[in-house]
Structures are given as structure tokens and as C-alpha cells.
Protein backbone atom coordinates (compact mmCIF):
# COMPACT_ATOMS: atom_id res chain seq x y z
CA MET A 1 112.21 69.61 76.51
CA PRO A 2 111.05 71.25 79.77
CA ARG A 3 112.11 74.89 80.06
CA PHE A 4 112.45 77.11 83.13
CA PHE A 5 113.49 80.72 83.80
CA VAL A 6 116.06 81.80 86.41
CA ASP A 7 117.88 85.06 87.15
CA SER A 8 121.24 83.90 85.77
CA VAL A 9 122.82 80.92 84.00
CA ALA A 10 126.41 82.10 84.46
CA GLU A 11 127.39 79.45 87.04
CA ASP A 12 128.26 75.83 86.22
CA THR A 13 125.69 74.56 88.75
CA LEU A 14 122.18 75.92 89.19
CA LEU A 15 119.39 75.40 91.69
CA LEU A 16 115.71 75.38 90.75
CA THR A 17 113.59 76.43 93.70
CA GLY A 18 109.99 77.33 94.50
CA GLN A 19 107.34 76.44 91.95
CA ASN A 20 109.99 75.50 89.36
CA GLY A 21 111.41 72.83 91.64
CA ILE A 22 107.98 71.56 92.64
CA HIS A 23 106.95 71.32 88.99
CA VAL A 24 110.06 69.34 88.05
CA ARG A 25 109.81 66.86 90.90
CA ARG A 26 106.10 66.46 91.55
CA SER A 27 104.37 67.27 88.24
CA LEU A 28 106.93 66.17 85.64
CA ARG A 29 108.35 63.45 87.91
CA MET A 30 111.82 63.97 86.48
CA GLY A 31 114.88 62.36 88.01
CA PRO A 32 118.70 62.47 88.08
CA GLY A 33 120.18 62.39 84.60
CA ASP A 34 117.13 63.93 82.90
CA PRO A 35 117.80 66.93 80.64
CA LEU A 36 116.03 70.28 80.79
CA THR A 37 116.60 73.82 79.55
CA VAL A 38 117.04 76.87 81.76
CA CYS A 39 116.89 80.42 80.41
CA ASP A 40 118.00 83.69 82.01
CA GLY A 41 115.10 85.64 80.47
CA ARG A 42 117.53 87.81 78.53
CA GLY A 43 118.15 85.56 75.54
CA THR A 44 120.59 82.92 76.81
CA ASP A 45 119.67 79.23 77.14
CA ALA A 46 121.52 76.69 79.26
CA ALA A 47 121.24 72.99 78.50
CA CYS A 48 121.25 71.26 81.89
CA ARG A 49 121.21 67.83 83.50
CA ILE A 50 119.50 67.03 86.80
CA GLU A 51 122.05 65.90 89.38
CA GLY A 52 119.80 65.43 92.40
CA PHE A 53 117.22 66.90 94.76
CA ARG A 54 117.14 68.63 98.12
CA GLY A 55 113.51 68.53 99.13
CA ASP A 56 111.72 70.25 96.27
CA GLU A 57 114.89 72.01 95.13
CA VAL A 58 116.57 70.67 92.00
CA LEU A 59 120.36 70.68 91.56
CA LEU A 60 121.45 71.11 87.94
CA THR A 61 124.73 70.93 86.05
CA VAL A 62 125.08 73.30 83.10
CA LEU A 63 126.29 71.43 80.02
CA SER A 64 126.31 74.27 77.50
CA ARG A 65 125.05 77.79 76.86
CA THR A 66 123.65 79.15 73.59
CA PRO A 67 121.70 82.21 72.43
CA THR A 68 117.97 81.51 72.39
CA ALA A 69 116.96 80.58 68.86
CA THR A 70 113.26 81.38 69.27
CA GLU A 71 113.33 85.16 69.71
CA PRO A 72 112.12 87.19 66.69
CA SER A 73 114.41 89.72 65.04
CA CYS A 74 111.60 92.30 65.17
CA ALA A 75 110.64 93.52 68.63
CA VAL A 76 106.89 94.18 68.72
CA THR A 77 105.27 96.24 71.46
CA LEU A 78 101.52 95.70 71.63
CA TYR A 79 99.46 98.68 72.79
CA GLN A 80 96.14 97.01 73.54
CA GLY A 81 92.97 98.99 74.25
CA LEU A 82 91.58 97.66 77.53
CA PRO A 83 88.88 95.07 76.79
CA LYS A 84 86.20 93.96 79.21
CA GLY A 85 86.14 90.77 81.25
CA ASP A 86 89.03 88.34 81.03
CA LYS A 87 89.81 88.99 77.36
CA MET A 88 93.09 90.67 78.30
CA GLU A 89 94.35 87.42 79.81
CA TRP A 90 93.70 85.55 76.55
CA ILE A 91 95.39 88.32 74.53
CA ILE A 92 98.47 88.30 76.77
CA GLN A 93 98.88 84.53 76.64
CA LYS A 94 98.55 84.22 72.88
CA ALA A 95 100.53 87.37 72.08
CA VAL A 96 103.49 86.04 74.07
CA GLU A 97 103.27 82.71 72.25
CA LEU A 98 103.36 84.58 68.93
CA GLY A 99 106.49 86.54 69.86
CA VAL A 100 105.43 89.91 71.28
CA SER A 101 108.22 91.69 73.20
CA ARG A 102 106.13 93.97 75.44
CA ILE A 103 102.45 94.55 76.18
CA VAL A 104 100.99 97.91 77.23
CA PRO A 105 97.29 97.93 78.22
CA VAL A 106 95.73 101.28 77.30
CA GLN A 107 92.51 102.87 78.50
CA MET A 108 90.99 104.32 75.34
CA ALA A 109 87.87 106.37 74.66
CA ARG A 110 85.77 103.31 73.86
CA SER A 111 87.15 101.05 76.59
CA VAL A 112 84.44 99.61 78.82
CA SER A 113 87.02 98.66 81.46
CA VAL A 114 88.70 101.48 83.33
CA ILE A 115 91.98 101.79 85.20
CA THR A 116 91.24 101.23 88.88
CA ASP A 117 92.38 103.89 91.34
CA LYS A 118 92.94 101.28 94.07
CA PRO A 119 96.68 100.44 94.16
CA ASP A 120 96.24 97.00 95.76
CA LYS A 121 93.66 95.91 93.19
CA ARG A 122 95.73 97.34 90.34
CA ASP A 123 98.89 95.62 91.56
CA LYS A 124 97.08 92.29 91.98
CA LYS A 125 95.79 92.42 88.41
CA ALA A 126 99.21 93.45 87.05
CA ALA A 127 100.85 90.54 88.90
CA ARG A 128 98.31 88.08 87.46
CA TRP A 129 98.86 89.41 83.93
CA GLN A 130 102.64 89.06 84.30
CA LYS A 131 102.25 85.52 85.65
CA ILE A 132 100.22 84.60 82.57
CA ALA A 133 102.90 86.11 80.31
CA ASP A 134 105.70 84.28 82.14
CA GLU A 135 103.93 80.93 81.91
CA ALA A 136 103.24 81.45 78.20
CA ALA A 137 106.91 82.33 77.64
CA GLY A 138 108.01 79.09 79.27
CA GLN A 139 105.46 76.97 77.42
CA SER A 140 106.33 78.44 74.01
CA GLY A 141 110.12 78.33 74.41
CA ARG A 142 110.73 82.08 74.54
CA GLY A 143 114.13 83.48 75.45
CA ILE A 144 112.75 86.49 77.33
CA LEU A 145 109.93 87.17 79.75
CA PRO A 146 107.91 89.85 77.91
CA PRO A 147 106.86 92.51 80.42
CA VAL A 148 103.20 93.43 80.79
CA GLU A 149 103.07 97.04 81.92
CA ALA A 150 100.54 98.61 84.24
CA PRO A 151 97.62 100.14 82.29
CA VAL A 152 98.19 103.67 80.98
CA SER A 153 95.89 106.40 79.70
CA PHE A 154 95.64 107.04 75.99
CA ARG A 155 97.46 110.36 76.40
CA GLU A 156 100.39 108.58 78.03
CA ALA A 157 100.45 105.99 75.27
CA ALA A 158 100.20 108.61 72.51
CA ALA A 159 103.20 110.49 73.88
CA ARG A 160 105.29 107.32 73.74
CA LEU A 161 104.01 106.31 70.32
CA ALA A 162 105.18 109.63 68.89
CA GLU A 163 108.75 108.36 69.33
CA GLU A 164 108.12 104.87 67.97
CA ASN A 165 107.51 103.11 64.65
CA THR A 166 103.74 102.86 65.02
CA LEU A 167 101.21 100.82 63.06
CA ILE A 168 97.54 101.36 63.95
CA CYS A 169 95.10 98.56 63.20
CA TYR A 170 92.01 100.50 62.18
CA GLU A 171 88.71 99.03 61.04
CA GLY A 172 88.11 102.12 58.90
CA GLY A 173 90.84 101.17 56.48
CA GLY A 174 94.50 101.76 55.72
CA ALA A 175 97.35 100.08 53.91
CA PRO A 176 97.48 96.27 54.17
CA LEU A 177 99.57 95.42 57.21
CA TRP A 178 101.87 93.07 55.32
CA GLU A 179 102.83 95.86 52.90
CA LEU A 180 104.14 98.07 55.72
CA ALA A 181 105.90 95.31 57.62
CA ASP A 182 109.58 95.97 56.95
CA ARG A 183 111.96 93.02 57.18
CA THR A 184 114.73 95.39 58.31
CA ALA A 185 112.66 97.02 61.07
CA GLY A 186 114.14 96.25 64.45
CA ALA A 187 111.11 97.43 66.41
CA VAL A 188 107.42 98.06 65.74
CA SER A 189 104.62 99.33 67.96
CA LEU A 190 101.20 97.88 67.17
CA VAL A 191 98.02 99.62 68.34
CA ILE A 192 94.76 97.67 68.73
CA GLY A 193 91.52 99.23 69.95
CA PRO A 194 89.04 97.87 72.53
CA GLU A 195 85.62 96.38 71.67
CA GLY A 196 84.31 99.63 70.20
CA GLY A 197 87.39 100.25 68.10
CA ILE A 198 89.64 103.30 67.92
CA ASP A 199 87.98 106.71 68.24
CA ARG A 200 88.57 109.09 65.31
CA LYS A 201 90.17 111.68 67.59
CA GLU A 202 92.59 109.06 68.90
CA LEU A 203 93.39 107.99 65.35
CA SER A 204 94.00 111.60 64.24
CA LEU A 205 96.37 112.28 67.13
CA MET A 206 98.40 109.13 66.47
CA CYS A 207 98.57 109.88 62.74
CA GLU A 208 99.70 113.46 63.43
CA ASN A 209 102.53 111.94 65.47
CA GLY A 210 103.66 109.67 62.64
CA GLY A 211 101.48 106.60 63.17
CA ARG A 212 100.30 104.74 60.07
CA PRO A 213 96.82 103.17 59.81
CA VAL A 214 96.80 99.57 58.59
CA THR A 215 94.09 97.08 57.77
CA LEU A 216 93.77 93.39 58.46
CA GLY A 217 91.33 92.91 55.60
CA PRO A 218 87.68 93.63 54.82
CA ARG A 219 86.30 91.76 57.84
CA ILE A 220 85.99 93.37 61.26
CA LEU A 221 87.78 91.28 63.87
CA ARG A 222 87.02 91.12 67.58
CA CYS A 223 89.41 92.99 69.85
CA GLU A 224 90.84 89.69 71.10
CA THR A 225 91.30 88.34 67.56
CA ALA A 226 92.87 91.41 65.94
CA PRO A 227 96.16 91.48 67.91
CA LEU A 228 96.80 87.80 67.24
CA ALA A 229 96.09 88.15 63.52
CA ALA A 230 98.29 91.26 63.34
CA LEU A 231 101.16 89.61 65.20
CA ALA A 232 100.99 86.56 62.94
CA VAL A 233 101.17 88.81 59.86
CA LEU A 234 104.08 90.82 61.27
CA MET A 235 106.04 87.74 62.25
CA ALA A 236 105.50 86.14 58.85
CA ALA A 237 106.34 89.32 56.93
CA THR A 238 109.57 89.87 58.89
CA GLY A 239 110.69 86.27 58.52
CA ASN A 240 109.95 85.26 62.10
CA MET A 241 107.17 82.75 61.59
């Protein structure tokens, strides 16, 4: 069933506007009486019926409200070493589909891409990344819109990771990821390096702050493959797959 995000589903009638309304009327060619689902982006779904149109705006009646059934019980924050090219867009899209709760791009020692110092260019890229995440959330039936943060330096990320339950996917070895995935864990932070992997100094600092190295097996995965494999393992091991 088509799914759309709005700010609130508290009222008994809702109005889809902008691109949502255009998509319903022009692309999906839906009409009065057709059902669709609207979500507030905070875990509540509203089953709705189309009542009519006002231009490209869609008038809906809310039939019922329920907690979103698709959100995982384990909130995973992905700290992704900045890759080159458009790989980050692929990672964001697929990570959201797999159930990630937040994505933090990180400039690491071996990152080819760097954080731009031009605010307008940085903001434009951040907006595009968030748009990709939002569209993936709608397509995959998510109950939230996972935020994609602005890129941070490794030092900034390391300071945050010191306060979090951190698993570091490291090509140099570690415990199998599935062994450290705890079904009772409410939140996990997952660190993935860029194309060149995680630098030993970065690994040492994260381990000193409580991070645990994990392995995804004997094969070395590309930086755009590793986060998806790791998320699939975490979701399966915590009963969310």
C-alpha cells in the first residue's frame, strides 16, 4: 500500500501537499475511496482513505492509527567512513531499507573524499543525502525518517563513540559480528571504514574507548558492501530480520 510521511497524524482529516500530493494524483493515479498509509515519522501509522482532491492536494480521512510494525527493536547508528564518488548515496539508501536508525558520515585517515569547507556545497550534499534516506524510508515501509548527519571528523566521531555501544568492522580481524550482537541491546553503533579501511591509530583509539573489533568473515568486502552485510547480520541476530 502506498505510504507517505507527514508532520502529524493526530487529526481525523489530513492533507497531502507538495510532491506527496502530486505523486498520489499524477504518478499513482489514485482516486476517491483508495486506501493509503500515512506516517508521522516517529513510529505511528495512520490508515487513510482518499476523500477528494483540491488541485494536487489530497484530502484524507484517518480510519485508524497503530504503532509502526516495521521498526527494529535495536537502534543502529552507522558511522560510515566517507567513500569516494556516489557510493555514499548507495550506502544510505540500502542502509535505510535494512533498518538503520541514523547515519553519520565520517572523514577518516584513509578517506579519499574530504569534508568541504564551503557551507552551500556542504548543505546541498546533506540535503540530497537526506532526500535519499527519506525516499528509501517511504519505499521500505519505515516508521521513522532516519537522519543523515552532516559529515564529522574522526575525532568528533571518536568522542561520541566513547559513550556508545560500539562495534568496529575491521578487516584485520576480531570476534564474529553475530557473536557480539546482543538480542537485548537497545542501541548499537557500527563503524565502517572507507575504501582503504580503518587506520590502526583510529582502531586503537576506538578500542581504548570501549569499542570492540568485529569481523564479517575471511573475505575483504568493499566499503559499500560491508555496512549492508553488517546491518543484515545485526538485524538477523537481534530478531529484526
